[in-house]
Amino acid sequence: MRVLLTGGAGYIGSHTAAVLAARGHQVVILDNFANAERDVPERLVKLTGQQMPVIEADIRDTAAVSAALRAHPVDAVIHFAALKAVGESEADPLLYYDMNIIGTIRLLQAMQEAGVARIVFSSSATVYGQPDSSPILEDAPTRVENIYGRTKLVMEDLIRDLARTGKLKAAANLRYFNPVGAHPSAVIGETPRGVPNNLMPYVTQVATGQRPHLNVFGNDYDTPDGTGVRDYIHVMDLAEAHALALEHICANDVSLTVNLGTGDGTSVLQLVKAFETATGREIPLVIAPRRPGDVASYYANPALAEATFGWKAKLNVEDMCRDSWRWQARRDGINDI
C-alpha cells in the first residue's frame, strides 16, 4: 500500500515509516517540523533505501493536505501529527484544541474529499485517567484528567463516529502506554526539545552529563520498591503494531480500539537499574515529592491486539535501555558504546 504518515518525521512516525518500508509499503511523509528534526527524511532514506515524498504542511491547512493527497494518492493514513505535552496542554488549552482536534477535523475533511477512507490513529493511554486497577483493559472507563488526554479522546471519538456512520471504511485507535527506545541502527531515535518530559530521554541525558541527576518523584507508593510503575514499550514494537493494525483493517475493512503495551509494569528504580546494567553508566538519583496526578501503577492488558491482528511486544526493558543509549551516545559523539 501507499500510506500517508502525518507527523511522519517525528519519533514514532519515523520508526513506523522504517517498518512500513521494510514490509514493502510506500510511505509519504507530511509534517510541519514543529517537533521533528529536518534531516529525519534523509536518515530514513539511508536506513530503508526508499525515497519517501515529504510534504511540509500543517494538518490544519486543509488545502495543503488535499493537494498532498491529490499529488500522492494513498490507500490509507496513519495519523501521528499532534501536540503531546501534558503540562503545555494545561498551560495553553486552546493551542491543543486547535492543533489536535481542529487539525484532525481538517485532516478527515481532506481525506473525505480525496476518497481516502482508512485511518490508523495514534492515541494514548492517558484517555483512561486514574485507572481503578492494572492491567487496564480497553473497556475500562475513560476519564481524562488533563487537556492533552481530552484531545486524544475527542480525536478517537471523531474517528469512531465517522467509522460508525460509514464515512470511514476502516479505522484503528491505538492507545499507547510509554514508548521508549530507538531504532537498533541508531540512525533514528527520540529527540526531545528542551528538558525531556519523559523518563528515558531524561535518563540518557543524565548518563551523558547534560543533566546532573534524575528526580524520582515519590518513593512511597504501594509498589515493590515504592516508585511509580509504568508499562514501557519499545518504539520498534510500537511501529510494528501500526503496520499490523494497518494491514488488518485494510484487508478486512473493520474498525477497532486496542491497547499497545507489554502488559508488564516496570518501576522507575527498576528502569534505572536496567539502564545502568545495559550501559555501564551510573545514574545519580534525587528523591523528590510526588507529583499531583501521578498514580502508583499503570500498565496495559494488551491481549486484544494479539487476538485481533497478531501483535505482541517482543523487546524487553534491557533492549529499550540499550537502544536508547546507543542513539543518545552516537548523537552526542560518545564512542565507548
Protein backbone atom coordinates (compact mmCIF):
# COMPACT_ATOMS: atom_id res chain seq x y z
CA MET A 1 0.00 0.00 0.00
CA ARG A 2 0.90 3.65 -0.23
CA VAL A 3 0.40 5.30 3.16
CA LEU A 4 0.43 8.94 4.26
CA LEU A 5 2.01 9.49 7.67
CA THR A 6 1.01 12.79 9.27
CA GLY A 7 3.77 13.69 11.68
CA GLY A 8 5.84 11.09 9.87
CA ALA A 9 9.17 12.76 10.68
CA GLY A 10 8.52 12.59 14.44
CA TYR A 11 9.65 9.98 16.92
CA ILE A 12 7.04 7.27 16.49
CA GLY A 13 6.17 8.29 12.94
CA SER A 14 9.74 7.89 11.67
CA HIS A 15 10.13 4.44 13.21
CA THR A 16 6.79 3.40 11.71
CA ALA A 17 7.95 4.70 8.33
CA ALA A 18 11.01 2.44 8.59
CA VAL A 19 8.90 -0.61 9.48
CA LEU A 20 6.36 0.06 6.72
CA ALA A 21 9.15 0.38 4.15
CA ALA A 22 10.69 -2.90 5.35
CA ARG A 23 7.29 -4.56 4.85
CA GLY A 24 7.08 -3.36 1.25
CA HIS A 25 4.75 -0.38 1.66
CA GLN A 26 5.33 3.05 0.12
CA VAL A 27 5.48 5.93 2.58
CA VAL A 28 4.54 9.58 2.11
CA ILE A 29 5.50 11.92 4.96
CA LEU A 30 3.54 15.04 5.88
CA ASP A 31 4.98 17.08 8.74
CA ASN A 32 5.21 20.74 9.79
CA PHE A 33 8.56 20.01 11.54
CA ALA A 34 7.47 21.81 14.70
CA ASN A 35 8.70 18.85 16.78
CA ALA A 36 10.81 16.91 14.28
CA GLU A 37 14.36 17.22 13.01
CA ARG A 38 14.58 18.26 9.37
CA ASP A 39 17.15 15.62 8.46
CA VAL A 40 14.94 12.70 9.55
CA PRO A 41 13.64 12.02 5.99
CA GLU A 42 17.25 11.85 4.74
CA ARG A 43 18.13 9.42 7.52
CA LEU A 44 15.10 7.31 6.62
CA VAL A 45 16.33 7.09 3.03
CA LYS A 46 19.72 5.95 4.31
CA LEU A 47 18.06 3.41 6.58
CA THR A 48 15.45 2.00 4.20
CA GLY A 49 16.71 2.73 0.69
CA GLN A 50 13.26 4.12 -0.10
CA GLN A 51 12.76 7.65 -1.39
CA MET A 52 9.83 8.97 0.64
CA PRO A 53 7.99 12.04 -0.66
CA VAL A 54 8.00 14.74 2.02
CA ILE A 55 5.32 17.43 2.23
CA GLU A 56 5.96 20.24 4.69
CA ALA A 57 2.47 21.23 5.81
CA ASP A 58 0.28 21.67 8.85
CA ILE A 59 -2.70 19.33 9.16
CA ARG A 60 -4.89 22.36 9.92
CA ASP A 61 -4.26 23.54 6.35
CA THR A 62 -6.96 21.57 4.55
CA ALA A 63 -5.93 22.91 1.14
CA ALA A 64 -2.32 21.78 1.64
CA VAL A 65 -3.35 18.32 2.84
CA SER A 66 -5.83 17.98 -0.03
CA ALA A 67 -3.11 18.98 -2.50
CA ALA A 68 -0.78 16.38 -0.97
CA LEU A 69 -3.41 13.66 -1.35
CA ARG A 70 -4.00 14.65 -4.97
CA ALA A 71 -0.29 14.63 -5.73
CA HIS A 72 0.31 11.36 -3.88
CA PRO A 73 -2.85 9.21 -3.89
CA VAL A 74 -2.76 6.87 -0.90
CA ASP A 75 -4.65 3.84 0.35
CA ALA A 76 -4.66 4.92 4.00
CA VAL A 77 -3.44 7.46 6.53
CA ILE A 78 -1.60 6.91 9.79
CA HIS A 79 -2.24 9.99 11.92
CA PHE A 80 0.59 10.93 14.31
CA ALA A 81 0.53 14.73 13.99
CA ALA A 82 -0.39 16.25 17.36
CA LEU A 83 0.97 18.19 20.30
CA LYS A 84 1.76 15.87 23.19
CA ALA A 85 2.99 17.59 26.39
CA VAL A 86 0.59 17.34 29.32
CA GLY A 87 1.96 20.41 31.10
CA GLU A 88 1.85 22.53 27.96
CA SER A 89 -1.71 21.44 27.29
CA GLU A 90 -2.79 22.67 30.72
CA ALA A 91 -1.00 25.98 30.16
CA ASP A 92 -2.44 26.56 26.67
CA PRO A 93 -5.66 24.56 26.16
CA LEU A 94 -6.74 26.44 23.03
CA LEU A 95 -3.47 25.59 21.29
CA TYR A 96 -4.11 21.88 21.96
CA TYR A 97 -7.76 22.05 20.93
CA ASP A 98 -6.72 23.82 17.73
CA MET A 99 -3.84 21.57 16.72
CA ASN A 100 -5.16 18.21 17.89
CA ILE A 101 -8.93 18.45 17.48
CA ILE A 102 -9.36 21.04 14.73
CA GLY A 103 -6.32 19.59 12.96
CA THR A 104 -7.88 16.13 12.98
CA ILE A 105 -11.16 17.51 11.64
CA ARG A 106 -9.30 19.24 8.80
CA LEU A 107 -7.38 16.05 8.02
CA LEU A 108 -10.56 13.98 7.95
CA GLN A 109 -12.18 16.57 5.64
CA ALA A 110 -9.23 16.36 3.25
CA MET A 111 -9.34 12.56 3.35
CA GLN A 112 -13.06 12.55 2.59
CA GLU A 113 -12.56 14.92 -0.32
CA ALA A 114 -9.80 12.65 -1.69
CA GLY A 115 -11.76 9.44 -1.15
CA VAL A 116 -9.32 8.05 1.43
CA ALA A 117 -11.42 6.08 3.90
CA ARG A 118 -8.98 4.16 6.10
CA ILE A 119 -7.02 5.54 9.04
CA VAL A 120 -4.84 4.40 11.92
CA PHE A 121 -4.76 6.89 14.79
CA SER A 122 -2.03 7.46 17.36
CA SER A 123 -3.97 7.65 20.62
CA SER A 124 -2.80 7.35 24.21
CA ALA A 125 -3.42 5.51 27.45
CA THR A 126 -3.94 8.94 29.03
CA VAL A 127 -7.59 8.59 27.97
CA TYR A 128 -8.05 6.24 30.95
CA GLY A 129 -7.09 8.86 33.53
CA GLN A 130 -6.83 7.36 37.02
CA PRO A 131 -7.47 3.63 36.49
CA ASP A 132 -9.32 1.56 39.04
CA SER A 133 -6.69 -1.14 38.67
CA SER A 134 -3.99 -2.52 36.39
CA PRO A 135 -3.65 -4.22 33.97
CA ILE A 136 -6.01 -1.94 32.06
CA LEU A 137 -8.47 -3.35 29.54
CA GLU A 138 -9.93 -1.42 26.60
CA ASP A 139 -13.36 -1.31 28.22
CA ALA A 140 -12.03 0.47 31.32
CA PRO A 141 -13.68 3.86 31.99
CA THR A 142 -12.24 6.81 30.09
CA ARG A 143 -11.99 9.73 32.49
CA VAL A 144 -9.29 12.06 31.27
CA GLU A 145 -7.61 14.37 33.76
CA ASN A 146 -5.73 16.80 31.50
CA ILE A 147 -6.24 18.72 28.27
CA TYR A 148 -3.86 16.53 26.28
CA GLY A 149 -5.76 13.38 27.23
CA ARG A 150 -9.07 15.06 26.48
CA THR A 151 -7.93 15.97 22.95
CA LYS A 152 -6.88 12.38 22.33
CA LEU A 153 -10.26 11.08 23.45
CA VAL A 154 -12.12 13.59 21.27
CA MET A 155 -9.92 12.62 18.31
CA GLU A 156 -10.78 8.97 18.94
CA ASP A 157 -14.47 9.83 19.05
CA LEU A 158 -14.30 11.79 15.79
CA ILE A 159 -12.75 8.81 14.04
CA ARG A 160 -15.09 6.31 15.70
CA ASP A 161 -18.17 8.33 14.66
CA LEU A 162 -17.04 8.55 11.04
CA ALA A 163 -16.49 4.80 11.00
CA ARG A 164 -19.88 4.17 12.62
CA THR A 165 -21.65 6.30 10.01
CA GLY A 166 -19.78 4.74 7.09
CA LYS A 167 -17.73 7.83 6.22
CA LEU A 168 -14.65 5.77 7.03
CA LYS A 169 -14.41 2.16 5.88
CA ALA A 170 -11.82 1.17 8.45
CA ALA A 171 -10.20 2.80 11.48
CA ALA A 172 -7.88 1.81 14.31
CA ASN A 173 -7.48 3.77 17.54
CA LEU A 174 -4.20 2.63 19.09
CA ARG A 175 -3.78 3.52 22.76
CA TYR A 176 -0.05 3.63 23.57
CA PHE A 177 1.39 3.25 27.00
CA ASN A 178 5.01 4.51 27.40
CA PRO A 179 7.08 4.42 24.18
CA VAL A 180 10.86 4.36 24.64
CA GLY A 181 13.94 3.17 22.76
CA ALA A 182 15.28 3.84 19.28
CA HIS A 183 15.99 2.04 16.04
CA PRO A 184 18.76 -0.51 16.71
CA SER A 185 20.84 1.11 13.97
CA ALA A 186 20.88 4.40 15.95
CA VAL A 187 20.06 6.19 12.71
CA ILE A 188 16.76 7.48 14.13
CA GLY A 189 15.53 7.96 17.68
CA GLU A 190 13.83 10.34 20.08
CA THR A 191 14.97 13.99 20.01
CA PRO A 192 13.06 15.95 22.66
CA ARG A 193 13.44 19.69 22.58
CA GLY A 194 14.40 21.36 25.83
CA VAL A 195 14.01 19.45 29.09
CA PRO A 196 12.59 15.99 28.33
CA ASN A 197 9.08 15.30 29.62
CA ASN A 198 9.58 11.53 29.59
CA LEU A 199 11.73 9.33 31.79
CA MET A 200 14.01 7.53 29.31
CA PRO A 201 15.39 10.55 27.41
CA TYR A 202 15.97 12.25 30.76
CA VAL A 203 17.92 9.21 31.95
CA THR A 204 20.06 9.16 28.80
CA GLN A 205 20.81 12.87 29.21
CA VAL A 206 21.89 12.28 32.81
CA ALA A 207 24.14 9.50 31.50
CA THR A 208 25.85 11.92 29.10
CA GLY A 209 26.27 14.59 31.75
CA GLN A 210 23.75 17.01 30.27
CA ARG A 211 21.64 16.72 33.45
CA PRO A 212 23.17 16.43 36.94
CA HIS A 213 20.76 13.81 38.27
CA LEU A 214 17.38 12.17 37.84
CA ASN A 215 14.49 13.33 40.01
CA VAL A 216 12.43 10.37 41.21
CA PHE A 217 9.00 11.74 42.07
CA GLY A 218 7.90 9.73 45.09
CA ASN A 219 9.31 6.58 46.67
CA ASP A 220 6.42 5.77 48.98
CA TYR A 221 3.87 4.32 46.57
CA ASP A 222 2.31 0.92 47.16
CA THR A 223 4.65 -0.77 44.69
CA PRO A 224 7.51 -3.26 45.15
CA ASP A 225 10.14 -0.53 45.63
CA GLY A 226 7.94 2.49 46.35
CA THR A 227 8.41 4.16 42.96
CA GLY A 228 5.83 4.50 40.22
CA VAL A 229 5.24 1.55 37.90
CA ARG A 230 4.61 2.05 34.17
CA ASP A 231 4.33 -0.04 31.01
CA TYR A 232 7.32 0.82 28.82
CA ILE A 233 7.12 -0.34 25.20
CA HIS A 234 9.95 -0.34 22.67
CA VAL A 235 9.27 2.04 19.82
CA MET A 236 10.12 -0.70 17.30
CA ASP A 237 7.41 -2.96 18.76
CA LEU A 238 5.06 0.02 18.62
CA ALA A 239 5.94 0.70 14.99
CA GLU A 240 5.31 -2.93 14.08
CA ALA A 241 1.89 -2.69 15.75
CA HIS A 242 0.97 0.19 13.45
CA ALA A 243 1.93 -1.82 10.40
CA LEU A 244 0.00 -4.90 11.50
CA ALA A 245 -3.06 -2.87 12.51
CA LEU A 246 -3.00 -1.06 9.17
CA GLU A 247 -2.78 -4.27 7.20
CA HIS A 248 -5.55 -5.86 9.26
CA ILE A 249 -8.11 -3.07 8.99
CA CYS A 250 -7.42 -2.51 5.29
CA ALA A 251 -7.72 -6.20 4.45
CA ASN A 252 -10.96 -6.61 6.39
CA ASP A 253 -12.49 -3.11 6.42
CA VAL A 254 -13.04 -3.22 10.16
CA SER A 255 -12.58 -0.73 12.98
CA LEU A 256 -11.04 -1.31 16.39
CA THR A 257 -9.62 0.24 19.56
CA VAL A 258 -6.72 -1.53 21.24
CA ASN A 259 -4.07 -1.04 23.91
CA LEU A 260 -0.41 -1.19 22.91
CA GLY A 261 1.83 -2.14 25.81
CA THR A 262 3.87 -5.06 27.05
CA GLY A 263 1.48 -5.98 29.84
CA ASP A 264 4.34 -5.77 32.35
CA GLY A 265 4.92 -2.99 34.85
CA THR A 266 8.41 -1.59 35.45
CA SER A 267 9.18 0.79 38.30
CA VAL A 268 11.34 3.89 37.95
CA LEU A 269 14.11 2.29 40.01
CA GLN A 270 13.91 -0.94 38.00
CA LEU A 271 14.25 1.02 34.77
CA VAL A 272 17.25 2.94 36.10
CA LYS A 273 18.90 -0.29 37.27
CA ALA A 274 18.29 -1.90 33.86
CA PHE A 275 19.82 1.14 32.17
CA GLU A 276 22.89 1.04 34.40
CA THR A 277 23.31 -2.69 33.72
CA ALA A 278 22.88 -2.29 29.95
CA THR A 279 25.22 0.70 29.60
CA GLY A 280 27.67 0.62 32.50
CA ARG A 281 26.73 4.23 33.29
CA GLU A 282 25.70 5.27 36.79
CA ILE A 283 22.56 7.41 37.10
CA PRO A 284 22.60 9.72 40.16
CA LEU A 285 19.16 9.96 41.80
CA VAL A 286 17.38 12.51 43.93
CA ILE A 287 14.11 11.54 45.61
CA ALA A 288 11.59 14.33 45.11
CA PRO A 289 7.98 14.76 46.31
CA ARG A 290 5.18 13.05 44.43
CA ARG A 291 3.70 14.99 41.54
CA PRO A 292 -0.03 15.79 41.62
CA GLY A 293 -1.99 13.38 39.45
CA ASP A 294 0.62 10.63 39.31
CA VAL A 295 -0.66 7.12 40.01
CA ALA A 296 1.17 4.26 41.68
CA SER A 297 0.81 1.63 38.94
CA TYR A 298 -0.31 1.88 35.34
CA TYR A 299 0.11 -0.88 32.75
CA ALA A 300 -1.79 -2.49 29.91
CA ASN A 301 -3.61 -5.66 29.18
CA PRO A 302 -2.56 -5.96 25.52
CA ALA A 303 -4.28 -9.28 24.79
CA LEU A 304 -6.83 -7.80 22.38
CA ALA A 305 -4.15 -6.62 19.95
CA GLU A 306 -2.65 -10.11 19.84
CA ALA A 307 -6.05 -11.76 19.38
CA THR A 308 -7.16 -9.29 16.70
CA PHE A 309 -4.13 -8.80 14.47
CA GLY A 310 -1.40 -10.98 15.92
CA TRP A 311 0.74 -8.33 17.59
CA LYS A 312 2.69 -8.87 20.78
CA ALA A 313 5.64 -6.90 22.13
CA LYS A 314 8.91 -8.79 21.68
CA LEU A 315 11.57 -6.45 23.08
CA ASN A 316 12.31 -6.11 26.80
CA VAL A 317 13.42 -3.30 29.09
CA GLU A 318 17.10 -4.13 28.54
CA ASP A 319 16.59 -3.77 24.77
CA MET A 320 14.89 -0.41 25.35
CA CYS A 321 17.75 0.84 27.51
CA ARG A 322 20.48 -0.39 25.16
CA ASP A 323 18.92 1.15 22.06
CA SER A 324 18.09 4.44 23.82
CA TRP A 325 21.67 4.75 24.99
CA ARG A 326 23.17 3.84 21.62
CA TRP A 327 21.06 6.58 19.98
CA GLN A 328 21.90 9.23 22.61
CA ALA A 329 25.59 8.35 22.69
CA ARG A 330 26.05 8.44 18.93
CA ARG A 331 24.07 11.67 18.73
CA ASP A 332 26.41 13.22 21.29
CA GLY A 333 29.60 11.76 19.82
CA ILE A 334 30.29 9.32 22.66
CA ASN A 335 32.25 6.38 21.29
CA ASP A 336 32.54 3.99 24.25
CA ILE A 337 29.39 2.04 23.46
